[in-house]
Amino acid sequence: AGSRPTRIARRESAALFGTPEQVKAQLDALQSAWNIDEFIIDTPINDGAARVNSLRLLARTHLSAEVQP
């Protein structure tokens, strides 16, 4: 039996990048557009301290936005 034809589809990048405020705005837009309850954040940075700092910056921005009226 032969194999079925394979179709390769082009995809847009799913990576978000920018300042913490820019990334938060992008996440907010995705949440609004798709009614997303939660995100899984992956920061592919080899340096562990830099990875934690990246997450800390995003968390600080998120928490600051929640506190503001």
PDB file of N, CA and C in Angstrom:
ATOM      1  N   ALA A   1       0.849  -1.186   0.000  1.00  0.00           N
ATOM      2  CA  ALA A   1       0.000   0.000   0.000  1.00  0.00           C
ATOM      3  C   ALA A   1       0.880   1.229   0.000  1.00  0.00           C
ATOM      4  N   GLY A   2       0.452   2.226  -0.735  1.00  0.00           N
ATOM      5  CA  GLY A   2       1.205   3.486  -0.817  1.00  0.00           C
ATOM      6  C   GLY A   2       0.891   4.411   0.347  1.00  0.00           C
ATOM      7  N   SER A   3       1.724   5.379   0.483  1.00  0.00           N
ATOM      8  CA  SER A   3       1.477   6.355   1.550  1.00  0.00           C
ATOM      9  C   SER A   3       0.570   7.475   1.038  1.00  0.00           C
ATOM     10  N   ARG A   4      -0.124   8.088   1.954  1.00  0.00           N
ATOM     11  CA  ARG A   4      -1.003   9.193   1.588  1.00  0.00           C
ATOM     12  C   ARG A   4      -0.172  10.448   1.340  1.00  0.00           C
ATOM     13  N   PRO A   5      -0.655  11.322   0.473  1.00  0.00           N
ATOM     14  CA  PRO A   5       0.071  12.577   0.248  1.00  0.00           C
ATOM     15  C   PRO A   5       0.133  13.408   1.535  1.00  0.00           C
ATOM     16  N   THR A   6       1.230  14.082   1.715  1.00  0.00           N
ATOM     17  CA  THR A   6       1.412  14.928   2.892  1.00  0.00           C
ATOM     18  C   THR A   6       1.248  16.381   2.497  1.00  0.00           C
ATOM     19  N   ARG A   7       0.555  17.109   3.334  1.00  0.00           N
ATOM     20  CA  ARG A   7       0.361  18.534   3.079  1.00  0.00           C
ATOM     21  C   ARG A   7       1.020  19.310   4.214  1.00  0.00           C
ATOM     22  N   ILE A   8       1.842  20.249   3.872  1.00  0.00           N
ATOM     23  CA  ILE A   8       2.505  21.080   4.874  1.00  0.00           C
ATOM     24  C   ILE A   8       1.850  22.450   4.837  1.00  0.00           C
ATOM     25  N   ALA A   9       1.314  22.867   5.972  1.00  0.00           N
ATOM     26  CA  ALA A   9       0.639  24.164   6.053  1.00  0.00           C
ATOM     27  C   ALA A   9       1.556  25.194   6.695  1.00  0.00           C
ATOM     28  N   ARG A  10       1.512  26.383   6.185  1.00  0.00           N
ATOM     29  CA  ARG A  10       2.297  27.479   6.746  1.00  0.00           C
ATOM     30  C   ARG A  10       1.602  27.978   8.013  1.00  0.00           C
ATOM     31  N   ARG A  11       2.380  28.229   9.064  1.00  0.00           N
ATOM     32  CA  ARG A  11       1.832  28.727  10.327  1.00  0.00           C
ATOM     33  C   ARG A  11       2.477  30.041  10.701  1.00  0.00           C
ATOM     34  N   GLU A  12       1.703  30.866  11.342  1.00  0.00           N
ATOM     35  CA  GLU A  12       2.248  32.095  11.909  1.00  0.00           C
ATOM     36  C   GLU A  12       2.985  31.737  13.202  1.00  0.00           C
ATOM     37  N   SER A  13       3.973  32.503  13.524  1.00  0.00           N
ATOM     38  CA  SER A  13       4.707  32.289  14.759  1.00  0.00           C
ATOM     39  C   SER A  13       3.793  32.519  15.955  1.00  0.00           C
ATOM     40  N   ALA A  14       3.949  31.710  16.968  1.00  0.00           N
ATOM     41  CA  ALA A  14       3.153  31.856  18.180  1.00  0.00           C
ATOM     42  C   ALA A  14       3.954  32.540  19.283  1.00  0.00           C
ATOM     43  N   ALA A  15       5.116  33.057  18.950  1.00  0.00           N
ATOM     44  CA  ALA A  15       5.963  33.700  19.949  1.00  0.00           C
ATOM     45  C   ALA A  15       5.528  35.142  20.179  1.00  0.00           C
ATOM     46  N   LEU A  16       5.539  35.536  21.429  1.00  0.00           N
ATOM     47  CA  LEU A  16       5.278  36.920  21.802  1.00  0.00           C
ATOM     48  C   LEU A  16       6.581  37.491  22.331  1.00  0.00           C
ATOM     49  N   PHE A  17       6.861  38.721  21.987  1.00  0.00           N
ATOM     50  CA  PHE A  17       8.090  39.329  22.491  1.00  0.00           C
ATOM     51  C   PHE A  17       7.913  40.830  22.588  1.00  0.00           C
ATOM     52  N   GLY A  18       8.766  41.453  23.380  1.00  0.00           N
ATOM     53  CA  GLY A  18       8.718  42.896  23.586  1.00  0.00           C
ATOM     54  C   GLY A  18       8.963  43.205  25.052  1.00  0.00           C
ATOM     55  N   THR A  19       8.621  44.421  25.443  1.00  0.00           N
ATOM     56  CA  THR A  19       8.731  44.802  26.845  1.00  0.00           C
ATOM     57  C   THR A  19       7.660  44.047  27.631  1.00  0.00           C
ATOM     58  N   PRO A  20       7.778  44.002  28.954  1.00  0.00           N
ATOM     59  CA  PRO A  20       6.720  43.339  29.728  1.00  0.00           C
ATOM     60  C   PRO A  20       5.334  43.917  29.424  1.00  0.00           C
ATOM     61  N   GLU A  21       5.250  45.224  29.248  1.00  0.00           N
ATOM     62  CA  GLU A  21       3.970  45.863  28.944  1.00  0.00           C
ATOM     63  C   GLU A  21       3.449  45.440  27.571  1.00  0.00           C
ATOM     64  N   GLN A  22       4.344  45.328  26.596  1.00  0.00           N
ATOM     65  CA  GLN A  22       3.942  44.909  25.247  1.00  0.00           C
ATOM     66  C   GLN A  22       3.471  43.453  25.244  1.00  0.00           C
ATOM     67  N   VAL A  23       4.176  42.597  25.963  1.00  0.00           N
ATOM     68  CA  VAL A  23       3.783  41.185  26.029  1.00  0.00           C
ATOM     69  C   VAL A  23       2.439  41.052  26.737  1.00  0.00           C
ATOM     70  N   LYS A  24       2.245  41.811  27.823  1.00  0.00           N
ATOM     71  CA  LYS A  24       0.961  41.771  28.524  1.00  0.00           C
ATOM     72  C   LYS A  24      -0.162  42.223  27.602  1.00  0.00           C
ATOM     73  N   ALA A  25       0.067  43.274  26.819  1.00  0.00           N
ATOM     74  CA  ALA A  25      -0.954  43.751  25.878  1.00  0.00           C
ATOM     75  C   ALA A  25      -1.279  42.676  24.840  1.00  0.00           C
ATOM     76  N   GLN A  26      -0.257  41.961  24.369  1.00  0.00           N
ATOM     77  CA  GLN A  26      -0.482  40.885  23.398  1.00  0.00           C
ATOM     78  C   GLN A  26      -1.275  39.742  24.032  1.00  0.00           C
ATOM     79  N   LEU A  27      -0.947  39.394  25.277  1.00  0.00           N
ATOM     80  CA  LEU A  27      -1.686  38.346  25.980  1.00  0.00           C
ATOM     81  C   LEU A  27      -3.131  38.778  26.226  1.00  0.00           C
ATOM     82  N   ASP A  28      -3.320  40.043  26.602  1.00  0.00           N
ATOM     83  CA  ASP A  28      -4.677  40.560  26.817  1.00  0.00           C
ATOM     84  C   ASP A  28      -5.497  40.485  25.533  1.00  0.00           C
ATOM     85  N   ALA A  29      -4.870  40.821  24.404  1.00  0.00           N
ATOM     86  CA  ALA A  29      -5.572  40.768  23.115  1.00  0.00           C
ATOM     87  C   ALA A  29      -5.957  39.329  22.769  1.00  0.00           C
ATOM     88  N   LEU A  30      -5.050  38.385  23.000  1.00  0.00           N
ATOM     89  CA  LEU A  30      -5.361  36.975  22.747  1.00  0.00           C
ATOM     90  C   LEU A  30      -6.482  36.494  23.660  1.00  0.00           C
ATOM     91  N   GLN A  31      -6.423  36.905  24.927  1.00  0.00           N
ATOM     92  CA  GLN A  31      -7.451  36.502  25.887  1.00  0.00           C
ATOM     93  C   GLN A  31      -8.811  37.010  25.440  1.00  0.00           C
ATOM     94  N   SER A  32      -8.843  38.246  25.013  1.00  0.00           N
ATOM     95  CA  SER A  32     -10.100  38.854  24.559  1.00  0.00           C
ATOM     96  C   SER A  32     -10.630  38.177  23.301  1.00  0.00           C
ATOM     97  N   ALA A  33      -9.753  37.953  22.350  1.00  0.00           N
ATOM     98  CA  ALA A  33     -10.164  37.396  21.057  1.00  0.00           C
ATOM     99  C   ALA A  33     -10.624  35.946  21.168  1.00  0.00           C
ATOM    100  N   TRP A  34      -9.991  35.168  22.046  1.00  0.00           N
ATOM    101  CA  TRP A  34     -10.257  33.733  22.101  1.00  0.00           C
ATOM    102  C   TRP A  34     -10.868  33.274  23.421  1.00  0.00           C
ATOM    103  N   ASN A  35     -11.161  34.221  24.327  1.00  0.00           N
ATOM    104  CA  ASN A  35     -11.752  33.894  25.625  1.00  0.00           C
ATOM    105  C   ASN A  35     -10.912  32.853  26.376  1.00  0.00           C
ATOM    106  N   ILE A  36      -9.617  33.113  26.454  1.00  0.00           N
ATOM    107  CA  ILE A  36      -8.665  32.198  27.091  1.00  0.00           C
ATOM    108  C   ILE A  36      -8.657  32.441  28.597  1.00  0.00           C
ATOM    109  N   ASP A  37      -8.744  31.369  29.375  1.00  0.00           N
ATOM    110  CA  ASP A  37      -8.743  31.482  30.834  1.00  0.00           C
ATOM    111  C   ASP A  37      -7.336  31.586  31.419  1.00  0.00           C
ATOM    112  N   GLU A  38      -6.390  30.889  30.816  1.00  0.00           N
ATOM    113  CA  GLU A  38      -5.029  30.916  31.339  1.00  0.00           C
ATOM    114  C   GLU A  38      -4.036  30.615  30.228  1.00  0.00           C
ATOM    115  N   PHE A  39      -2.802  31.036  30.456  1.00  0.00           N
ATOM    116  CA  PHE A  39      -1.727  30.823  29.494  1.00  0.00           C
ATOM    117  C   PHE A  39      -0.630  29.993  30.145  1.00  0.00           C
ATOM    118  N   ILE A  40       0.096  29.262  29.332  1.00  0.00           N
ATOM    119  CA  ILE A  40       1.324  28.605  29.767  1.00  0.00           C
ATOM    120  C   ILE A  40       2.457  29.433  29.176  1.00  0.00           C
ATOM    121  N   ILE A  41       3.277  29.990  30.038  1.00  0.00           N
ATOM    122  CA  ILE A  41       4.365  30.860  29.599  1.00  0.00           C
ATOM    123  C   ILE A  41       5.659  30.046  29.570  1.00  0.00           C
ATOM    124  N   ASP A  42       6.301  30.011  28.423  1.00  0.00           N
ATOM    125  CA  ASP A  42       7.576  29.313  28.257  1.00  0.00           C
ATOM    126  C   ASP A  42       8.602  30.331  27.797  1.00  0.00           C
ATOM    127  N   THR A  43       9.649  30.491  28.561  1.00  0.00           N
ATOM    128  CA  THR A  43      10.715  31.411  28.176  1.00  0.00           C
ATOM    129  C   THR A  43      11.965  30.589  27.879  1.00  0.00           C
ATOM    130  N   PRO A  44      12.231  30.320  26.612  1.00  0.00           N
ATOM    131  CA  PRO A  44      13.367  29.466  26.244  1.00  0.00           C
ATOM    132  C   PRO A  44      14.706  30.209  26.341  1.00  0.00           C
ATOM    133  N   ILE A  45      15.096  30.505  27.577  1.00  0.00           N
ATOM    134  CA  ILE A  45      16.357  31.200  27.842  1.00  0.00           C
ATOM    135  C   ILE A  45      17.260  30.216  28.578  1.00  0.00           C
ATOM    136  N   ASN A  46      18.469  30.017  28.077  1.00  0.00           N
ATOM    137  CA  ASN A  46      19.388  29.054  28.696  1.00  0.00           C
ATOM    138  C   ASN A  46      19.803  29.449  30.102  1.00  0.00           C
ATOM    139  N   ASP A  47      20.040  30.729  30.322  1.00  0.00           N
ATOM    140  CA  ASP A  47      20.482  31.217  31.628  1.00  0.00           C
ATOM    141  C   ASP A  47      19.299  31.212  32.597  1.00  0.00           C
ATOM    142  N   GLY A  48      19.372  30.375  33.619  1.00  0.00           N
ATOM    143  CA  GLY A  48      18.271  30.228  34.572  1.00  0.00           C
ATOM    144  C   GLY A  48      17.881  31.527  35.253  1.00  0.00           C
ATOM    145  N   ALA A  49      18.867  32.320  35.662  1.00  0.00           N
ATOM    146  CA  ALA A  49      18.574  33.586  36.339  1.00  0.00           C
ATOM    147  C   ALA A  49      17.862  34.551  35.390  1.00  0.00           C
ATOM    148  N   ALA A  50      18.279  34.588  34.144  1.00  0.00           N
ATOM    149  CA  ALA A  50      17.633  35.461  33.156  1.00  0.00           C
ATOM    150  C   ALA A  50      16.206  34.994  32.878  1.00  0.00           C
ATOM    151  N   ARG A  51      15.999  33.683  32.856  1.00  0.00           N
ATOM    152  CA  ARG A  51      14.656  33.132  32.630  1.00  0.00           C
ATOM    153  C   ARG A  51      13.724  33.526  33.775  1.00  0.00           C
ATOM    154  N   VAL A  52      14.194  33.378  35.011  1.00  0.00           N
ATOM    155  CA  VAL A  52      13.386  33.754  36.172  1.00  0.00           C
ATOM    156  C   VAL A  52      13.107  35.251  36.151  1.00  0.00           C
ATOM    157  N   ASN A  53      14.101  36.050  35.800  1.00  0.00           N
ATOM    158  CA  ASN A  53      13.909  37.500  35.729  1.00  0.00           C
ATOM    159  C   ASN A  53      12.866  37.863  34.679  1.00  0.00           C
ATOM    160  N   SER A  54      12.889  37.194  33.547  1.00  0.00           N
ATOM    161  CA  SER A  54      11.910  37.436  32.489  1.00  0.00           C
ATOM    162  C   SER A  54      10.492  37.178  33.002  1.00  0.00           C
ATOM    163  N   LEU A  55      10.306  36.067  33.688  1.00  0.00           N
ATOM    164  CA  LEU A  55       8.996  35.737  34.254  1.00  0.00           C
ATOM    165  C   LEU A  55       8.607  36.720  35.355  1.00  0.00           C
ATOM    166  N   ARG A  56       9.578  37.125  36.147  1.00  0.00           N
ATOM    167  CA  ARG A  56       9.323  38.082  37.226  1.00  0.00           C
ATOM    168  C   ARG A  56       8.838  39.419  36.654  1.00  0.00           C
ATOM    169  N   LEU A  57       9.472  39.881  35.585  1.00  0.00           N
ATOM    170  CA  LEU A  57       9.067  41.144  34.956  1.00  0.00           C
ATOM    171  C   LEU A  57       7.637  41.066  34.432  1.00  0.00           C
ATOM    172  N   LEU A  58       7.295  39.962  33.787  1.00  0.00           N
ATOM    173  CA  LEU A  58       5.940  39.791  33.263  1.00  0.00           C
ATOM    174  C   LEU A  58       4.929  39.694  34.409  1.00  0.00           C
ATOM    175  N   ALA A  59       5.272  38.960  35.457  1.00  0.00           N
ATOM    176  CA  ALA A  59       4.372  38.828  36.609  1.00  0.00           C
ATOM    177  C   ALA A  59       4.145  40.178  37.270  1.00  0.00           C
ATOM    178  N   ARG A  60       5.198  40.956  37.437  1.00  0.00           N
ATOM    179  CA  ARG A  60       5.076  42.279  38.055  1.00  0.00           C
ATOM    180  C   ARG A  60       4.144  43.163  37.231  1.00  0.00           C
ATOM    181  N   THR A  61       4.273  43.125  35.926  1.00  0.00           N
ATOM    182  CA  THR A  61       3.415  43.919  35.045  1.00  0.00           C
ATOM    183  C   THR A  61       1.967  43.463  35.159  1.00  0.00           C
ATOM    184  N   HIS A  62       1.755  42.166  35.189  1.00  0.00           N
ATOM    185  CA  HIS A  62       0.399  41.614  35.307  1.00  0.00           C
ATOM    186  C   HIS A  62      -0.228  42.011  36.644  1.00  0.00           C
ATOM    187  N   LEU A  63       0.517  41.851  37.727  1.00  0.00           N
ATOM    188  CA  LEU A  63      -0.015  42.170  39.051  1.00  0.00           C
ATOM    189  C   LEU A  63      -0.271  43.664  39.205  1.00  0.00           C
ATOM    190  N   SER A  64       0.598  44.503  38.649  1.00  0.00           N
ATOM    191  CA  SER A  64       0.396  45.955  38.707  1.00  0.00           C
ATOM    192  C   SER A  64      -0.891  46.348  38.010  1.00  0.00           C
ATOM    193  N   ALA A  65      -1.186  45.715  36.893  1.00  0.00           N
ATOM    194  CA  ALA A  65      -2.402  46.027  36.135  1.00  0.00           C
ATOM    195  C   ALA A  65      -3.645  45.619  36.917  1.00  0.00           C
ATOM    196  N   GLU A  66      -3.564  44.537  37.691  1.00  0.00           N
ATOM    197  CA  GLU A  66      -4.716  44.082  38.472  1.00  0.00           C
ATOM    198  C   GLU A  66      -5.023  45.017  39.630  1.00  0.00           C
ATOM    199  N   VAL A  67      -4.000  45.670  40.182  1.00  0.00           N
ATOM    200  CA  VAL A  67      -4.167  46.537  41.345  1.00  0.00           C
ATOM    201  C   VAL A  67      -4.753  47.890  40.953  1.00  0.00           C
ATOM    202  N   GLN A  68      -4.444  48.377  39.761  1.00  0.00           N
ATOM    203  CA  GLN A  68      -4.921  49.689  39.324  1.00  0.00           C
ATOM    204  C   GLN A  68      -6.431  49.667  39.126  1.00  0.00           C
ATOM    205  N   PRO A  69      -7.102  50.778  39.537  1.00  0.00           N
ATOM    206  CA  PRO A  69      -8.569  50.835  39.379  1.00  0.00           C
ATOM    207  C   PRO A  69      -9.009  50.918  37.943  1.00  0.00           C
TER     208      PRO A  69
END
